[in-house]
N, C-alpha and C. Protein backbone atom coordinates (compact mmCIF):
# COMPACT_ATOMS: atom_id res chain seq x y z
N MET A 1 32.49 -11.00 -1.60
CA MET A 1 32.78 -11.01 -2.94
C MET A 1 33.72 -12.11 -3.37
N SER A 2 33.69 -12.93 -4.03
CA SER A 2 35.38 -13.31 -4.11
C SER A 2 35.75 -13.14 -5.27
N ALA A 3 37.13 -13.32 -5.48
CA ALA A 3 38.37 -12.57 -6.20
C ALA A 3 38.12 -13.14 -7.66
N GLY A 4 37.59 -12.11 -8.58
CA GLY A 4 37.09 -12.35 -9.44
C GLY A 4 35.98 -12.47 -10.13
N SER A 5 35.10 -11.88 -8.97
CA SER A 5 33.38 -11.70 -9.31
C SER A 5 33.07 -10.32 -9.17
N SER A 6 32.11 -9.86 -10.13
CA SER A 6 32.03 -8.60 -10.33
C SER A 6 30.68 -8.23 -9.00
N PRO A 7 30.50 -7.25 -9.23
CA PRO A 7 29.22 -6.64 -7.85
C PRO A 7 28.20 -7.12 -8.78
N ALA A 8 27.87 -7.05 -10.02
CA ALA A 8 27.34 -7.48 -10.43
C ALA A 8 26.47 -8.95 -10.49
N GLN A 9 27.74 -9.53 -10.36
CA GLN A 9 27.72 -10.92 -10.24
C GLN A 9 27.18 -11.54 -8.58
N ALA A 10 27.62 -10.63 -7.67
CA ALA A 10 27.34 -10.44 -5.70
C ALA A 10 25.49 -10.84 -5.98
N SER A 11 25.04 -9.55 -6.89
CA SER A 11 24.03 -8.85 -6.62
C SER A 11 22.79 -9.82 -7.12
N ALA A 12 23.37 -10.63 -8.40
CA ALA A 12 22.49 -11.78 -8.79
C ALA A 12 22.62 -12.97 -7.93
N ALA A 13 23.72 -12.99 -7.00
CA ALA A 13 23.58 -14.29 -6.00
C ALA A 13 22.88 -14.11 -5.14
N GLU A 14 22.63 -12.79 -4.58
CA GLU A 14 21.22 -12.48 -3.42
C GLU A 14 19.92 -12.21 -4.07
N ALA A 15 20.11 -12.03 -4.86
CA ALA A 15 18.28 -12.01 -6.16
C ALA A 15 17.54 -13.24 -5.54
N ARG A 16 16.53 -13.27 -5.23
CA ARG A 16 15.54 -14.77 -5.42
C ARG A 16 14.32 -14.19 -4.89
N VAL A 17 13.80 -15.02 -5.61
CA VAL A 17 12.04 -15.12 -5.09
C VAL A 17 11.82 -15.48 -4.07
N ARG A 18 10.79 -15.16 -3.06
CA ARG A 18 10.42 -15.13 -2.22
C ARG A 18 8.98 -15.66 -2.43
N GLU A 19 8.22 -16.38 -1.37
CA GLU A 19 6.82 -16.40 -1.11
C GLU A 19 6.51 -16.03 0.07
N LEU A 20 5.13 -15.54 0.08
CA LEU A 20 4.61 -14.76 1.27
C LEU A 20 4.18 -15.85 2.50
N ALA A 21 4.03 -17.12 1.92
CA ALA A 21 3.66 -17.97 2.50
C ALA A 21 4.80 -18.34 4.14
N GLU A 22 6.32 -18.26 3.21
CA GLU A 22 7.38 -18.25 4.00
C GLU A 22 7.65 -17.37 5.20
N PHE A 23 6.80 -16.29 5.70
CA PHE A 23 7.28 -14.78 6.57
C PHE A 23 6.00 -15.35 7.77
N LEU A 24 6.07 -15.47 8.95
CA LEU A 24 5.31 -15.52 10.34
C LEU A 24 4.81 -13.70 10.14
N TRP A 25 3.59 -14.30 10.36
CA TRP A 25 2.97 -12.70 11.11
C TRP A 25 3.46 -12.14 12.37
N GLU A 26 3.98 -10.91 12.37
CA GLU A 26 4.04 -10.06 14.32
C GLU A 26 3.34 -9.09 14.46
N GLN A 27 3.12 -8.83 15.68
CA GLN A 27 2.78 -7.90 16.06
C GLN A 27 3.83 -6.80 16.74
N SER A 28 4.24 -5.79 16.28
CA SER A 28 5.11 -4.98 16.80
C SER A 28 4.92 -4.12 17.93
N PRO A 29 5.89 -3.85 18.27
CA PRO A 29 5.68 -2.69 19.69
C PRO A 29 4.52 -1.32 19.27
N GLY A 30 3.96 -0.93 20.08
CA GLY A 30 2.70 0.13 19.54
C GLY A 30 1.80 -0.33 19.08
N HIS A 31 1.61 -1.83 17.99
CA HIS A 31 0.75 -2.23 17.87
C HIS A 31 -0.21 -3.15 18.28
N PHE A 32 -1.47 -2.85 18.26
CA PHE A 32 -2.51 -3.38 18.84
C PHE A 32 -3.34 -3.75 18.16
N GLY A 33 -4.41 -5.08 18.85
CA GLY A 33 -5.17 -5.27 18.58
C GLY A 33 -5.65 -6.28 17.52
N GLY A 34 -4.39 -7.10 17.24
CA GLY A 34 -4.35 -7.37 15.42
C GLY A 34 -3.85 -6.69 14.51
N ALA A 35 -3.36 -6.10 14.98
CA ALA A 35 -2.15 -5.16 13.73
C ALA A 35 -1.04 -6.05 13.23
N LEU A 36 -0.94 -6.68 12.43
CA LEU A 36 -0.34 -7.56 11.88
C LEU A 36 0.67 -7.52 10.85
N SER A 37 1.90 -7.72 10.48
CA SER A 37 2.72 -7.75 9.50
C SER A 37 3.51 -8.95 9.39
N LYS A 38 4.05 -8.91 8.15
CA LYS A 38 5.03 -9.68 7.82
C LYS A 38 6.02 -8.79 7.08
N ILE A 39 7.43 -9.26 7.77
CA ILE A 39 8.71 -8.42 7.05
C ILE A 39 9.08 -9.37 6.07
N LEU A 40 8.84 -8.63 5.25
CA LEU A 40 9.72 -9.15 3.73
C LEU A 40 10.52 -8.96 3.42
N VAL A 41 11.12 -7.73 3.62
CA VAL A 41 12.39 -7.09 2.84
C VAL A 41 13.20 -6.62 4.48
N SER A 42 14.16 -6.51 4.80
CA SER A 42 14.56 -5.95 5.94
C SER A 42 16.21 -5.85 5.81
N ALA A 43 17.03 -4.89 6.96
CA ALA A 43 18.20 -4.67 7.06
C ALA A 43 18.74 -6.38 7.19
N GLN A 44 18.07 -7.13 7.61
CA GLN A 44 18.46 -8.81 8.41
C GLN A 44 18.06 -9.31 6.73
N THR A 45 17.89 -8.73 5.36
CA THR A 45 17.71 -9.54 4.29
C THR A 45 18.90 -9.73 3.40
N PRO A 46 19.53 -10.77 3.16
CA PRO A 46 21.17 -10.46 2.31
C PRO A 46 20.09 -9.74 1.24
N GLY A 47 21.31 -8.68 0.80
CA GLY A 47 21.42 -7.71 -0.36
C GLY A 47 20.82 -6.64 0.13
N ALA A 48 19.94 -6.54 1.15
CA ALA A 48 18.99 -5.39 1.24
C ALA A 48 19.96 -4.35 1.85
N ARG A 49 20.03 -3.27 1.53
CA ARG A 49 20.85 -1.89 2.41
C ARG A 49 20.09 -0.92 2.90
N TYR A 50 18.72 -0.66 2.12
CA TYR A 50 18.05 0.39 2.12
C TYR A 50 17.02 0.61 2.47
N LEU A 51 15.89 -0.79 2.17
CA LEU A 51 14.83 -0.85 1.86
C LEU A 51 14.62 -1.97 2.91
N ASP A 52 13.08 -1.19 3.41
CA ASP A 52 12.57 -2.33 4.22
C ASP A 52 10.90 -2.94 3.59
N LEU A 53 10.32 -3.45 3.69
CA LEU A 53 9.08 -3.96 2.39
C LEU A 53 8.19 -5.00 3.99
N ARG A 54 7.19 -4.40 4.11
CA ARG A 54 6.12 -5.06 5.23
C ARG A 54 5.10 -4.86 4.46
N LEU A 55 4.05 -6.39 4.41
CA LEU A 55 2.70 -6.28 4.25
C LEU A 55 2.20 -6.47 5.32
N SER A 56 0.64 -5.33 5.80
CA SER A 56 0.50 -5.43 6.95
C SER A 56 -1.17 -5.52 6.79
N SER A 57 -1.73 -6.40 7.86
CA SER A 57 -2.84 -6.87 7.79
C SER A 57 -3.78 -6.12 9.43
N TYR A 58 -4.65 -5.46 9.39
CA TYR A 58 -4.95 -5.29 10.40
C TYR A 58 -6.28 -5.67 10.88
N GLU A 59 -6.76 -6.26 11.75
CA GLU A 59 -8.28 -6.63 11.86
C GLU A 59 -9.00 -5.49 12.16
N PRO A 60 -10.59 -5.82 12.25
CA PRO A 60 -11.56 -4.39 12.74
C PRO A 60 -10.93 -3.73 14.12
N MET A 61 -10.82 -2.66 14.23
CA MET A 61 -10.51 -2.07 15.96
C MET A 61 -8.95 -1.97 15.79
N ALA A 62 -8.22 -3.12 15.22
CA ALA A 62 -6.54 -2.76 15.34
C ALA A 62 -5.96 -1.20 15.08
N TYR A 63 -4.72 -1.35 16.12
CA TYR A 63 -4.12 0.45 15.00
C TYR A 63 -2.80 0.39 15.75
N VAL A 64 -1.94 1.19 15.29
CA VAL A 64 -0.93 1.27 15.54
C VAL A 64 -0.74 3.16 16.27
N GLN A 65 -0.51 2.97 17.16
CA GLN A 65 -0.49 4.42 17.88
C GLN A 65 0.52 5.21 17.36
N SER A 66 0.22 6.75 17.49
CA SER A 66 1.31 8.14 16.79
C SER A 66 2.51 7.61 17.43
N HIS A 67 2.90 8.17 16.17
CA HIS A 67 4.40 7.74 16.13
C HIS A 67 5.17 8.91 15.50
N VAL A 68 6.22 8.95 15.85
CA VAL A 68 7.28 9.55 14.72
C VAL A 68 8.59 9.24 14.42
N HIS A 69 8.87 9.18 13.05
CA HIS A 69 10.25 8.48 12.90
C HIS A 69 11.45 9.59 12.50
N ASP A 70 12.31 9.67 13.19
CA ASP A 70 13.03 11.09 12.71
C ASP A 70 13.97 11.28 11.58
N GLU A 71 14.15 9.84 10.60
CA GLU A 71 14.80 10.08 9.43
C GLU A 71 14.30 8.67 8.32
N LYS A 72 13.10 8.13 8.87
CA LYS A 72 12.61 7.40 7.90
C LYS A 72 11.74 8.29 6.98
N GLU A 73 11.52 7.59 5.87
CA GLU A 73 10.43 8.00 4.54
C GLU A 73 9.28 7.17 4.85
N GLN A 74 8.31 6.87 4.80
CA GLN A 74 7.73 5.65 4.61
C GLN A 74 6.47 5.73 3.57
N VAL A 75 6.17 4.71 2.73
CA VAL A 75 4.98 5.10 2.07
C VAL A 75 4.56 4.14 2.41
N TYR A 76 2.86 4.29 2.30
CA TYR A 76 1.73 3.11 2.92
C TYR A 76 0.69 2.94 1.06
N TYR A 77 0.77 2.06 0.88
CA TYR A 77 -0.11 1.83 -0.12
C TYR A 77 -1.06 0.87 0.00
N PHE A 78 -2.78 0.91 0.20
CA PHE A 78 -3.63 0.25 0.34
C PHE A 78 -4.41 -0.49 -0.23
N VAL A 79 -4.58 -2.14 -0.06
CA VAL A 79 -4.41 -2.86 -0.57
C VAL A 79 -6.15 -3.44 -0.58
N ASP A 80 -6.53 -3.33 0.18
CA ASP A 80 -7.92 -3.96 0.69
C ASP A 80 -8.50 -3.40 2.04
N GLY A 81 -9.62 -3.57 2.42
CA GLY A 81 -10.16 -2.44 3.59
C GLY A 81 -10.52 -0.90 3.75
N GLU A 82 -10.56 -0.68 4.51
CA GLU A 82 -10.35 0.70 4.84
C GLU A 82 -10.10 1.67 6.37
N GLY A 83 -9.74 2.30 6.20
CA GLY A 83 -9.42 2.96 8.19
C GLY A 83 -9.01 4.52 7.88
N LEU A 84 -8.79 5.00 9.13
CA LEU A 84 -8.45 5.94 8.99
C LEU A 84 -7.11 6.62 9.62
N LEU A 85 -6.32 7.57 8.60
CA LEU A 85 -5.06 7.75 8.97
C LEU A 85 -5.14 9.07 9.70
N GLU A 86 -4.13 9.24 10.47
CA GLU A 86 -3.92 10.39 11.21
C GLU A 86 -2.05 10.88 10.98
N LEU A 87 -2.21 11.73 10.37
CA LEU A 87 -0.90 12.41 9.65
C LEU A 87 -0.94 13.55 10.38
N GLY A 88 -0.06 13.87 11.45
CA GLY A 88 -0.03 15.21 12.38
C GLY A 88 -1.14 15.39 13.00
N ARG A 89 -2.28 16.38 12.49
CA ARG A 89 -3.21 16.91 13.48
C ARG A 89 -4.39 16.49 12.57
N GLU A 90 -4.18 15.62 11.05
CA GLU A 90 -5.23 15.45 10.19
C GLU A 90 -5.35 14.30 10.64
N ARG A 91 -6.69 14.05 10.33
CA ARG A 91 -7.33 12.81 9.93
C ARG A 91 -8.04 12.73 8.23
N GLN A 92 -7.54 11.04 7.95
CA GLN A 92 -8.62 10.98 6.74
C GLN A 92 -8.72 9.94 6.23
N VAL A 93 -9.59 9.53 6.06
CA VAL A 93 -10.15 8.54 5.48
C VAL A 93 -9.09 7.64 4.12
N VAL A 94 -8.68 5.91 4.81
CA VAL A 94 -7.93 5.59 3.15
C VAL A 94 -8.65 4.15 3.09
N ARG A 95 -8.24 3.54 2.05
CA ARG A 95 -8.67 1.94 1.54
C ARG A 95 -8.26 2.06 -0.29
N ALA A 96 -8.84 1.12 -0.06
CA ALA A 96 -8.01 0.12 -1.60
C ALA A 96 -7.74 1.21 -2.48
N GLY A 97 -6.28 1.28 -3.10
CA GLY A 97 -5.99 2.56 -4.00
C GLY A 97 -5.31 3.89 -3.14
N SER A 98 -5.71 3.88 -2.11
CA SER A 98 -5.33 4.90 -1.93
C SER A 98 -3.43 4.94 -1.37
N PHE A 99 -2.82 5.89 -1.46
CA PHE A 99 -1.61 5.92 -0.57
C PHE A 99 -1.05 6.71 -0.35
N VAL A 100 -0.01 7.01 0.50
CA VAL A 100 0.66 8.47 1.47
C VAL A 100 1.55 8.11 1.31
N LEU A 101 2.64 9.44 1.09
CA LEU A 101 4.19 9.60 1.54
C LEU A 101 4.38 10.01 3.19
N ILE A 102 4.95 9.54 4.05
CA ILE A 102 4.66 9.96 5.06
C ILE A 102 6.41 10.19 5.25
N PRO A 103 6.78 11.91 4.96
CA PRO A 103 8.14 12.19 5.58
C PRO A 103 8.56 11.55 6.66
N PRO A 104 9.94 12.09 6.91
CA PRO A 104 10.87 12.32 8.25
C PRO A 104 9.68 13.53 9.23
N GLY A 105 9.72 13.04 10.54
CA GLY A 105 9.47 14.10 11.34
C GLY A 105 8.18 14.26 11.64
N VAL A 106 7.34 13.25 10.67
CA VAL A 106 5.14 13.68 10.77
C VAL A 106 5.16 12.80 11.57
N PRO A 107 4.42 13.31 12.55
CA PRO A 107 3.31 11.89 13.74
C PRO A 107 2.59 10.86 12.59
N HIS A 108 2.61 9.93 12.86
CA HIS A 108 1.01 9.30 12.11
C HIS A 108 0.75 7.90 12.85
N ALA A 109 -0.73 7.76 12.56
CA ALA A 109 -1.65 6.88 13.69
C ALA A 109 -2.43 6.16 12.45
N LEU A 110 -2.73 4.76 12.63
CA LEU A 110 -3.30 4.17 12.17
C LEU A 110 -4.13 3.53 12.14
N HIS A 111 -5.38 3.42 12.22
CA HIS A 111 -6.72 2.58 12.86
C HIS A 111 -7.86 1.92 11.74
N ASN A 112 -8.32 1.25 12.01
CA ASN A 112 -8.61 -0.28 10.97
C ASN A 112 -10.31 0.30 11.43
N THR A 113 -10.89 0.97 10.71
CA THR A 113 -12.50 1.81 11.35
C THR A 113 -13.31 0.54 10.26
N GLY A 114 -13.02 -0.25 9.63
CA GLY A 114 -13.54 -0.97 8.51
C GLY A 114 -14.59 -2.16 9.40
N LEU A 115 -15.35 -3.11 8.45
CA LEU A 115 -15.71 -4.13 9.20
C LEU A 115 -14.54 -5.68 8.48
N GLY A 116 -13.86 -5.20 7.95
CA GLY A 116 -12.70 -6.13 7.73
C GLY A 116 -11.47 -6.01 7.77
N ASN A 117 -10.61 -6.52 7.05
CA ASN A 117 -9.22 -6.27 7.03
C ASN A 117 -8.57 -5.52 6.38
N LEU A 118 -8.32 -4.47 7.04
CA LEU A 118 -7.42 -3.51 6.80
C LEU A 118 -5.93 -3.80 5.66
N VAL A 119 -5.77 -3.98 4.65
CA VAL A 119 -4.35 -4.35 4.03
C VAL A 119 -3.37 -3.90 3.15
N PHE A 120 -2.56 -3.56 3.52
CA PHE A 120 -1.40 -2.44 3.13
C PHE A 120 -0.06 -2.66 2.83
N LEU A 121 0.57 -2.22 2.23
CA LEU A 121 2.07 -2.63 2.03
C LEU A 121 3.18 -1.24 2.28
N VAL A 122 3.87 -1.30 3.74
CA VAL A 122 4.94 -0.54 4.09
C VAL A 122 6.22 -0.59 3.36
N ILE A 123 6.71 0.72 2.86
CA ILE A 123 8.14 0.90 2.18
C ILE A 123 8.19 1.19 2.82
N THR A 124 9.55 1.20 3.34
CA THR A 124 10.55 2.26 4.58
C THR A 124 11.91 2.40 3.96
N THR A 125 12.48 3.65 3.94
CA THR A 125 13.59 3.67 3.50
C THR A 125 14.35 4.92 4.68
N PRO A 126 15.90 4.57 4.96
CA PRO A 126 17.11 3.73 4.94
C PRO A 126 15.90 2.22 6.06
N THR A 127 16.36 1.57 6.26
CA THR A 127 16.18 0.62 7.00
C THR A 127 16.99 1.34 8.39
N GLY A 128 18.12 1.30 8.72
CA GLY A 128 18.63 1.24 9.72
C GLY A 128 18.21 2.77 10.73
N ALA A 129 17.26 3.76 10.23
CA ALA A 129 17.23 5.04 10.55
C ALA A 129 16.11 4.48 11.73
N ARG A 130 16.01 5.41 12.32
CA ARG A 130 14.87 5.52 13.73
C ARG A 130 13.61 6.32 13.23
């Protein structure tokens, strides 16, 4: 921040509209069979300190293996398709309009069991936690 500028001015300078097409699809470790994500906001995004936002699209049969985050909270919001979400020992069908809060310490996995792509947003905080 330069001399004479306020925190509000610095934040406004970092705020900008982005386009989905600017971001490449990535397959993160532990994701298989076409379980892809676009990392839209992360700790590497100027101005982002606490938030990670991803758009994910899983092809039929794609999945993320069971894993747990010690400190992260996650929200999945399902936009299209259907799948099977594992939370601990429970399994639940998810589809467009479903959402879930996954608190820290809860093992979870997700499988696309549908006929088309399973599309969902993943919102995670804090960004730097495991």
